[in-house]
Amino acid sequence: MTEKSTALPRSVLLAGATGLVGRALLQQLLDHPSVAHVHVLLRRAAPSIAAHPRLELHVVDFAHLKRLPRVDDVYIALGTTIKTAGSEQAFRQVDHGHVIAIARAAREAGARRLAVVSALGADRDSRVFYNRVKGEMEADAAALGYDEVTFAQPSLLLGDRAALGQPERFGEVWASRLLHPVMPLVPKGVRPIAAHDVAAALIAATMGGRPGVHRLASARMQGASTR
């Protein structure tokens, strides 16, 4: 659950609303007392997203974005895997290219705060391709001129991807199954984390109003939806 806030009503932009964390972000943003309007960017129509009086859907081409609506806050929860994308180049296009394109266009339209779902281990100098791309994305997003930037760096995500029409991710499925009996004994920093906890932590941090660049470690986000 997100905390109540006395801040002025905000208009927000969300990209990635059909994904695991993105869907949790959408619901929590619509429920948040400080959010007046939610603009959602989609690559294609999404009948599974229910109509809401404060929700506006925009079908766009992430690779060729036109001017975006003016908002206060931007949430980006785009992400894929190399297997799903089909190649390292295609993966990079989504997890770096599309993220930066949206963040840049939103900043040009006047957005002041940026919140992005990254990943545990993000490091632009990493020898691991996945971690390196995430790290490069963070560095490039942080340089776009936002007053405030927050990156969520979750461990393996827990949630029902099948219910969202997404392919299950092997690592997430097996980590959940193998670790479930001993989950409380697994260090919080690497323990699989529920998507709704990541969403809640990211919203709380963005609503907190701390200028600068911030990173939310997976351990810090555990249980955020119940705080």
C-alpha atoms as a PDB file:
ATOM      1  CA  MET A   1       0.000   0.000   0.000  1.00  0.00           C
ATOM      2  CA  THR A   2       1.241   3.494  -0.819  1.00  0.00           C
ATOM      3  CA  GLU A   3       1.399   6.111   1.890  1.00  0.00           C
ATOM      4  CA  LYS A   4      -1.032   8.998   1.913  1.00  0.00           C
ATOM      5  CA  SER A   5       0.439  12.312   0.908  1.00  0.00           C
ATOM      6  CA  THR A   6      -0.510  15.963   1.271  1.00  0.00           C
ATOM      7  CA  ALA A   7       1.397  16.943  -1.882  1.00  0.00           C
ATOM      8  CA  LEU A   8      -0.348  18.740  -4.731  1.00  0.00           C
ATOM      9  CA  PRO A   9      -2.055  16.407  -7.226  1.00  0.00           C
ATOM     10  CA  ARG A  10       0.391  15.045  -9.771  1.00  0.00           C
ATOM     11  CA  SER A  11       0.055  13.950 -13.350  1.00  0.00           C
ATOM     12  CA  VAL A  12       2.219  10.915 -14.138  1.00  0.00           C
ATOM     13  CA  LEU A  13       3.408   8.973 -17.167  1.00  0.00           C
ATOM     14  CA  LEU A  14       3.884   5.203 -17.074  1.00  0.00           C
ATOM     15  CA  ALA A  15       5.595   3.002 -19.657  1.00  0.00           C
ATOM     16  CA  GLY A  16       5.525  -0.760 -19.258  1.00  0.00           C
ATOM     17  CA  ALA A  17       2.066  -1.073 -17.695  1.00  0.00           C
ATOM     18  CA  THR A  18       1.466  -4.554 -19.127  1.00  0.00           C
ATOM     19  CA  GLY A  19       4.483  -6.042 -17.343  1.00  0.00           C
ATOM     20  CA  LEU A  20       4.839  -7.497 -13.871  1.00  0.00           C
ATOM     21  CA  VAL A  21       6.025  -4.387 -12.022  1.00  0.00           C
ATOM     22  CA  GLY A  22       4.296  -2.075 -14.479  1.00  0.00           C
ATOM     23  CA  ARG A  23       0.863  -3.511 -13.762  1.00  0.00           C
ATOM     24  CA  ALA A  24       1.465  -3.126 -10.022  1.00  0.00           C
ATOM     25  CA  LEU A  25       2.608   0.456 -10.595  1.00  0.00           C
ATOM     26  CA  LEU A  26      -0.518   1.232 -12.594  1.00  0.00           C
ATOM     27  CA  GLN A  27      -2.898   0.013  -9.911  1.00  0.00           C
ATOM     28  CA  GLN A  28      -1.023   1.709  -7.090  1.00  0.00           C
ATOM     29  CA  LEU A  29      -0.731   5.002  -8.965  1.00  0.00           C
ATOM     30  CA  LEU A  30      -4.462   5.024  -9.717  1.00  0.00           C
ATOM     31  CA  ASP A  31      -5.138   4.357  -6.027  1.00  0.00           C
ATOM     32  CA  HIS A  32      -2.705   6.996  -4.764  1.00  0.00           C
ATOM     33  CA  PRO A  33      -4.346  10.133  -3.304  1.00  0.00           C
ATOM     34  CA  SER A  34      -1.679  12.424  -4.787  1.00  0.00           C
ATOM     35  CA  VAL A  35      -2.079  11.225  -8.379  1.00  0.00           C
ATOM     36  CA  ALA A  36      -4.618  13.160 -10.423  1.00  0.00           C
ATOM     37  CA  HIS A  37      -4.017  11.605 -13.844  1.00  0.00           C
ATOM     38  CA  VAL A  38      -2.088   8.657 -15.281  1.00  0.00           C
ATOM     39  CA  HIS A  39      -0.926   8.603 -18.897  1.00  0.00           C
ATOM     40  CA  VAL A  40       0.107   5.121 -20.048  1.00  0.00           C
ATOM     41  CA  LEU A  41       2.320   4.511 -23.086  1.00  0.00           C
ATOM     42  CA  LEU A  42       1.646   1.243 -24.914  1.00  0.00           C
ATOM     43  CA  ARG A  43       3.158  -0.396 -27.988  1.00  0.00           C
ATOM     44  CA  ARG A  44      -0.248  -1.835 -28.856  1.00  0.00           C
ATOM     45  CA  ALA A  45      -3.803  -1.732 -27.548  1.00  0.00           C
ATOM     46  CA  ALA A  46      -4.200  -3.530 -24.213  1.00  0.00           C
ATOM     47  CA  PRO A  47      -7.813  -4.668 -23.641  1.00  0.00           C
ATOM     48  CA  SER A  48      -6.757  -6.134 -20.278  1.00  0.00           C
ATOM     49  CA  ILE A  49      -6.258  -2.630 -18.856  1.00  0.00           C
ATOM     50  CA  ALA A  50      -9.614  -1.558 -17.452  1.00  0.00           C
ATOM     51  CA  ALA A  51     -10.964   1.927 -18.089  1.00  0.00           C
ATOM     52  CA  HIS A  52     -10.595   4.418 -15.257  1.00  0.00           C
ATOM     53  CA  PRO A  53     -11.646   8.086 -15.025  1.00  0.00           C
ATOM     54  CA  ARG A  54      -8.059   9.178 -14.276  1.00  0.00           C
ATOM     55  CA  LEU A  55      -6.411   6.943 -16.873  1.00  0.00           C
ATOM     56  CA  GLU A  56      -5.464   7.824 -20.458  1.00  0.00           C
ATOM     57  CA  LEU A  57      -3.870   5.304 -22.824  1.00  0.00           C
ATOM     58  CA  HIS A  58      -1.532   6.260 -25.672  1.00  0.00           C
ATOM     59  CA  VAL A  59      -0.431   3.741 -28.321  1.00  0.00           C
ATOM     60  CA  VAL A  60       3.012   4.829 -29.514  1.00  0.00           C
ATOM     61  CA  ASP A  61       6.131   3.636 -31.278  1.00  0.00           C
ATOM     62  CA  PHE A  62       8.844   3.723 -28.632  1.00  0.00           C
ATOM     63  CA  ALA A  63      11.516   3.958 -31.319  1.00  0.00           C
ATOM     64  CA  HIS A  64       9.887   7.031 -32.925  1.00  0.00           C
ATOM     65  CA  LEU A  65       8.264   9.005 -30.139  1.00  0.00           C
ATOM     66  CA  LYS A  66       6.409  12.206 -30.842  1.00  0.00           C
ATOM     67  CA  ARG A  67       5.851  14.877 -28.207  1.00  0.00           C
ATOM     68  CA  LEU A  68       4.587  13.389 -24.956  1.00  0.00           C
ATOM     69  CA  PRO A  69       1.939  14.887 -22.650  1.00  0.00           C
ATOM     70  CA  ARG A  70       3.210  17.213 -19.956  1.00  0.00           C
ATOM     71  CA  VAL A  71       3.453  15.388 -16.610  1.00  0.00           C
ATOM     72  CA  ASP A  72       5.188  15.783 -13.266  1.00  0.00           C
ATOM     73  CA  ASP A  73       6.533  12.255 -12.772  1.00  0.00           C
ATOM     74  CA  VAL A  74       7.665   9.503 -15.143  1.00  0.00           C
ATOM     75  CA  TYR A  75       7.682   5.796 -14.271  1.00  0.00           C
ATOM     76  CA  ILE A  76       9.387   3.366 -16.661  1.00  0.00           C
ATOM     77  CA  ALA A  77       9.053  -0.380 -16.136  1.00  0.00           C
ATOM     78  CA  LEU A  78      10.168  -1.662 -19.518  1.00  0.00           C
ATOM     79  CA  GLY A  79      12.234  -4.816 -19.671  1.00  0.00           C
ATOM     80  CA  THR A  80      12.723  -8.037 -21.545  1.00  0.00           C
ATOM     81  CA  THR A  81      15.210 -10.907 -21.720  1.00  0.00           C
ATOM     82  CA  ILE A  82      17.722 -11.760 -24.421  1.00  0.00           C
ATOM     83  CA  LYS A  83      15.776 -14.975 -25.086  1.00  0.00           C
ATOM     84  CA  THR A  84      12.478 -13.143 -25.540  1.00  0.00           C
ATOM     85  CA  ALA A  85      14.013 -10.268 -27.501  1.00  0.00           C
ATOM     86  CA  GLY A  86      15.867 -12.665 -29.800  1.00  0.00           C
ATOM     87  CA  SER A  87      19.324 -11.109 -29.657  1.00  0.00           C
ATOM     88  CA  GLU A  88      21.574  -8.940 -27.517  1.00  0.00           C
ATOM     89  CA  GLN A  89      20.976  -6.038 -29.883  1.00  0.00           C
ATOM     90  CA  ALA A  90      17.187  -6.355 -29.599  1.00  0.00           C
ATOM     91  CA  PHE A  91      17.445  -6.657 -25.818  1.00  0.00           C
ATOM     92  CA  ARG A  92      19.547  -3.490 -25.640  1.00  0.00           C
ATOM     93  CA  GLN A  93      17.036  -1.642 -27.814  1.00  0.00           C
ATOM     94  CA  VAL A  94      14.287  -2.261 -25.240  1.00  0.00           C
ATOM     95  CA  ASP A  95      16.165  -2.058 -21.935  1.00  0.00           C
ATOM     96  CA  HIS A  96      18.327   0.877 -22.911  1.00  0.00           C
ATOM     97  CA  GLY A  97      17.121   2.499 -26.122  1.00  0.00           C
ATOM     98  CA  HIS A  98      13.413   2.662 -25.375  1.00  0.00           C
ATOM     99  CA  VAL A  99      13.920   3.616 -21.744  1.00  0.00           C
ATOM    100  CA  ILE A 100      16.180   6.550 -22.630  1.00  0.00           C
ATOM    101  CA  ALA A 101      13.957   7.664 -25.518  1.00  0.00           C
ATOM    102  CA  ILE A 102      10.913   7.855 -23.234  1.00  0.00           C
ATOM    103  CA  ALA A 103      12.806   9.527 -20.406  1.00  0.00           C
ATOM    104  CA  ARG A 104      14.310  12.117 -22.769  1.00  0.00           C
ATOM    105  CA  ALA A 105      10.987  12.907 -24.469  1.00  0.00           C
ATOM    106  CA  ALA A 106       9.203  13.249 -21.133  1.00  0.00           C
ATOM    107  CA  ARG A 107      11.914  15.551 -19.795  1.00  0.00           C
ATOM    108  CA  GLU A 108      11.624  17.708 -22.902  1.00  0.00           C
ATOM    109  CA  ALA A 109       7.881  17.903 -22.222  1.00  0.00           C
ATOM    110  CA  GLY A 110       8.520  19.219 -18.715  1.00  0.00           C
ATOM    111  CA  ALA A 111       8.663  16.196 -16.393  1.00  0.00           C
ATOM    112  CA  ARG A 112      10.781  16.765 -13.264  1.00  0.00           C
ATOM    113  CA  ARG A 113      10.980  13.353 -11.569  1.00  0.00           C
ATOM    114  CA  LEU A 114      11.994  10.020 -13.108  1.00  0.00           C
ATOM    115  CA  ALA A 115      11.555   6.534 -11.643  1.00  0.00           C
ATOM    116  CA  VAL A 116      12.931   3.493 -13.474  1.00  0.00           C
ATOM    117  CA  VAL A 117      12.861  -0.232 -12.769  1.00  0.00           C
ATOM    118  CA  SER A 118      16.445  -1.406 -13.266  1.00  0.00           C
ATOM    119  CA  ALA A 119      17.956  -4.581 -11.815  1.00  0.00           C
ATOM    120  CA  LEU A 120      20.167  -5.951  -9.070  1.00  0.00           C
ATOM    121  CA  GLY A 121      23.768  -5.848 -10.245  1.00  0.00           C
ATOM    122  CA  ALA A 122      23.351  -2.974 -12.709  1.00  0.00           C
ATOM    123  CA  ASP A 123      26.891  -1.781 -13.500  1.00  0.00           C
ATOM    124  CA  ARG A 124      28.086  -0.091 -16.682  1.00  0.00           C
ATOM    125  CA  ASP A 125      31.527  -1.696 -16.176  1.00  0.00           C
ATOM    126  CA  SER A 126      30.215  -5.222 -15.631  1.00  0.00           C
ATOM    127  CA  ARG A 127      31.456  -8.096 -17.774  1.00  0.00           C
ATOM    128  CA  VAL A 128      27.916  -9.483 -17.715  1.00  0.00           C
ATOM    129  CA  PHE A 129      26.033  -8.090 -20.707  1.00  0.00           C
ATOM    130  CA  TYR A 130      22.660  -7.809 -18.941  1.00  0.00           C
ATOM    131  CA  ASN A 131      24.132  -5.957 -15.962  1.00  0.00           C
ATOM    132  CA  ARG A 132      26.215  -3.734 -18.223  1.00  0.00           C
ATOM    133  CA  VAL A 133      23.219  -2.632 -20.285  1.00  0.00           C
ATOM    134  CA  LYS A 134      21.252  -1.849 -17.127  1.00  0.00           C
ATOM    135  CA  GLY A 135      24.190   0.132 -15.766  1.00  0.00           C
ATOM    136  CA  GLU A 136      24.584   2.098 -18.987  1.00  0.00           C
ATOM    137  CA  MET A 137      20.854   2.837 -18.967  1.00  0.00           C
ATOM    138  CA  GLU A 138      21.104   4.188 -15.405  1.00  0.00           C
ATOM    139  CA  ALA A 139      24.054   6.417 -16.265  1.00  0.00           C
ATOM    140  CA  ASP A 140      22.400   7.820 -19.375  1.00  0.00           C
ATOM    141  CA  ALA A 141      19.032   8.353 -17.659  1.00  0.00           C
ATOM    142  CA  ALA A 142      20.682  10.140 -14.732  1.00  0.00           C
ATOM    143  CA  ALA A 143      22.287  12.602 -17.178  1.00  0.00           C
ATOM    144  CA  LEU A 144      19.015  13.819 -18.724  1.00  0.00           C
ATOM    145  CA  GLY A 145      18.524  16.742 -16.372  1.00  0.00           C
ATOM    146  CA  TYR A 146      15.730  15.554 -14.066  1.00  0.00           C
ATOM    147  CA  ASP A 147      15.484  17.141 -10.625  1.00  0.00           C
ATOM    148  CA  GLU A 148      15.102  13.683  -9.119  1.00  0.00           C
ATOM    149  CA  VAL A 149      15.904  10.198 -10.459  1.00  0.00           C
ATOM    150  CA  THR A 150      15.207   6.936  -8.646  1.00  0.00           C
ATOM    151  CA  PHE A 151      16.260   3.488  -9.827  1.00  0.00           C
ATOM    152  CA  ALA A 152      14.730   0.361  -8.328  1.00  0.00           C
ATOM    153  CA  GLN A 153      17.237  -2.518  -8.379  1.00  0.00           C
ATOM    154  CA  PRO A 154      15.199  -5.641  -7.561  1.00  0.00           C
ATOM    155  CA  SER A 155      16.398  -9.204  -7.310  1.00  0.00           C
ATOM    156  CA  LEU A 156      14.408 -11.900  -9.160  1.00  0.00           C
ATOM    157  CA  LEU A 157      10.761 -10.876  -9.330  1.00  0.00           C
ATOM    158  CA  LEU A 158       7.824 -12.798  -7.926  1.00  0.00           C
ATOM    159  CA  GLY A 159       4.457 -12.551  -9.655  1.00  0.00           C
ATOM    160  CA  ASP A 160       2.129 -14.261 -12.094  1.00  0.00           C
ATOM    161  CA  ARG A 161       3.475 -13.434 -15.550  1.00  0.00           C
ATOM    162  CA  ALA A 162       1.168 -16.004 -17.169  1.00  0.00           C
ATOM    163  CA  ALA A 163      -1.866 -14.070 -15.935  1.00  0.00           C
ATOM    164  CA  LEU A 164      -0.530 -11.030 -17.797  1.00  0.00           C
ATOM    165  CA  GLY A 165      -0.016 -13.004 -20.994  1.00  0.00           C
ATOM    166  CA  GLN A 166       3.766 -12.920 -20.586  1.00  0.00           C
ATOM    167  CA  PRO A 167       6.132 -15.873 -20.955  1.00  0.00           C
ATOM    168  CA  GLU A 168       7.408 -17.125 -17.613  1.00  0.00           C
ATOM    169  CA  ARG A 169      11.093 -16.526 -16.906  1.00  0.00           C
ATOM    170  CA  PHE A 170      12.954 -19.697 -16.044  1.00  0.00           C
ATOM    171  CA  GLY A 171      15.167 -18.119 -13.380  1.00  0.00           C
ATOM    172  CA  GLU A 172      12.244 -16.528 -11.566  1.00  0.00           C
ATOM    173  CA  VAL A 173      10.161 -19.708 -11.610  1.00  0.00           C
ATOM    174  CA  TRP A 174      12.882 -21.985 -10.277  1.00  0.00           C
ATOM    175  CA  ALA A 175      14.167 -19.506  -7.730  1.00  0.00           C
ATOM    176  CA  SER A 176      10.664 -19.237  -6.326  1.00  0.00           C
ATOM    177  CA  ARG A 177      10.156 -23.001  -6.220  1.00  0.00           C
ATOM    178  CA  LEU A 178      13.539 -23.927  -4.801  1.00  0.00           C
ATOM    179  CA  LEU A 179      13.777 -21.126  -2.272  1.00  0.00           C
ATOM    180  CA  HIS A 180      10.168 -21.021  -1.091  1.00  0.00           C
ATOM    181  CA  PRO A 181      10.672 -23.433   1.855  1.00  0.00           C
ATOM    182  CA  VAL A 182      13.668 -21.452   3.138  1.00  0.00           C
ATOM    183  CA  MET A 183      12.780 -17.963   1.904  1.00  0.00           C
ATOM    184  CA  PRO A 184      13.014 -16.302   5.351  1.00  0.00           C
ATOM    185  CA  LEU A 185      16.597 -17.581   5.635  1.00  0.00           C
ATOM    186  CA  VAL A 186      17.713 -16.089   2.310  1.00  0.00           C
ATOM    187  CA  PRO A 187      19.457 -12.699   2.740  1.00  0.00           C
ATOM    188  CA  LYS A 188      17.090  -9.876   1.832  1.00  0.00           C
ATOM    189  CA  GLY A 189      19.550  -8.462  -0.663  1.00  0.00           C
ATOM    190  CA  VAL A 190      19.221 -11.446  -3.007  1.00  0.00           C
ATOM    191  CA  ARG A 191      15.848 -12.840  -1.936  1.00  0.00           C
ATOM    192  CA  PRO A 192      13.244 -12.904  -4.748  1.00  0.00           C
ATOM    193  CA  ILE A 193      10.901  -9.946  -4.347  1.00  0.00           C
ATOM    194  CA  ALA A 194       7.219  -9.403  -5.091  1.00  0.00           C
ATOM    195  CA  ALA A 195       6.485  -7.024  -7.956  1.00  0.00           C
ATOM    196  CA  HIS A 196       3.994  -5.060  -5.848  1.00  0.00           C
ATOM    197  CA  ASP A 197       6.744  -4.379  -3.268  1.00  0.00           C
ATOM    198  CA  VAL A 198       8.998  -2.935  -5.972  1.00  0.00           C
ATOM    199  CA  ALA A 199       6.155  -0.741  -7.226  1.00  0.00           C
ATOM    200  CA  ALA A 200       5.293   0.498  -3.745  1.00  0.00           C
ATOM    201  CA  ALA A 201       8.901   1.330  -2.908  1.00  0.00           C
ATOM    202  CA  LEU A 202       9.433   3.201  -6.162  1.00  0.00           C
ATOM    203  CA  ILE A 203       6.281   5.288  -5.733  1.00  0.00           C
ATOM    204  CA  ALA A 204       7.081   6.093  -2.102  1.00  0.00           C
ATOM    205  CA  ALA A 205      10.588   7.209  -3.012  1.00  0.00           C
ATOM    206  CA  THR A 206       9.379   9.370  -5.892  1.00  0.00           C
ATOM    207  CA  MET A 207       6.668  10.960  -3.756  1.00  0.00           C
ATOM    208  CA  GLY A 208       9.269  11.651  -1.059  1.00  0.00           C
ATOM    209  CA  GLY A 209      10.709  14.638  -2.887  1.00  0.00           C
ATOM    210  CA  ARG A 210      14.476  14.148  -2.508  1.00  0.00           C
ATOM    211  CA  PRO A 211      16.459  15.836  -5.311  1.00  0.00           C
ATOM    212  CA  GLY A 212      19.341  13.920  -6.858  1.00  0.00           C
ATOM    213  CA  VAL A 213      19.935  10.362  -8.035  1.00  0.00           C
ATOM    214  CA  HIS A 214      18.873   7.506  -5.771  1.00  0.00           C
ATOM    215  CA  ARG A 215      18.988   3.716  -5.964  1.00  0.00           C
ATOM    216  CA  LEU A 216      16.645   1.384  -4.101  1.00  0.00           C
ATOM    217  CA  ALA A 217      18.355  -1.867  -3.151  1.00  0.00           C
ATOM    218  CA  SER A 218      16.259  -5.017  -3.272  1.00  0.00           C
ATOM    219  CA  ALA A 219      16.632  -5.532   0.486  1.00  0.00           C
ATOM    220  CA  ARG A 220      15.206  -2.089   1.162  1.00  0.00           C
ATOM    221  CA  MET A 221      12.161  -2.751  -1.022  1.00  0.00           C
ATOM    222  CA  GLN A 222      11.152  -6.048   0.612  1.00  0.00           C
ATOM    223  CA  GLY A 223       7.733  -5.648   2.237  1.00  0.00           C
ATOM    224  CA  ALA A 224       7.264  -2.064   0.974  1.00  0.00           C
ATOM    225  CA  SER A 225       3.622  -2.666   0.006  1.00  0.00           C
ATOM    226  CA  THR A 226       2.699  -3.404   3.625  1.00  0.00           C
ATOM    227  CA  ARG A 227       4.465  -0.417   5.196  1.00  0.00           C
END
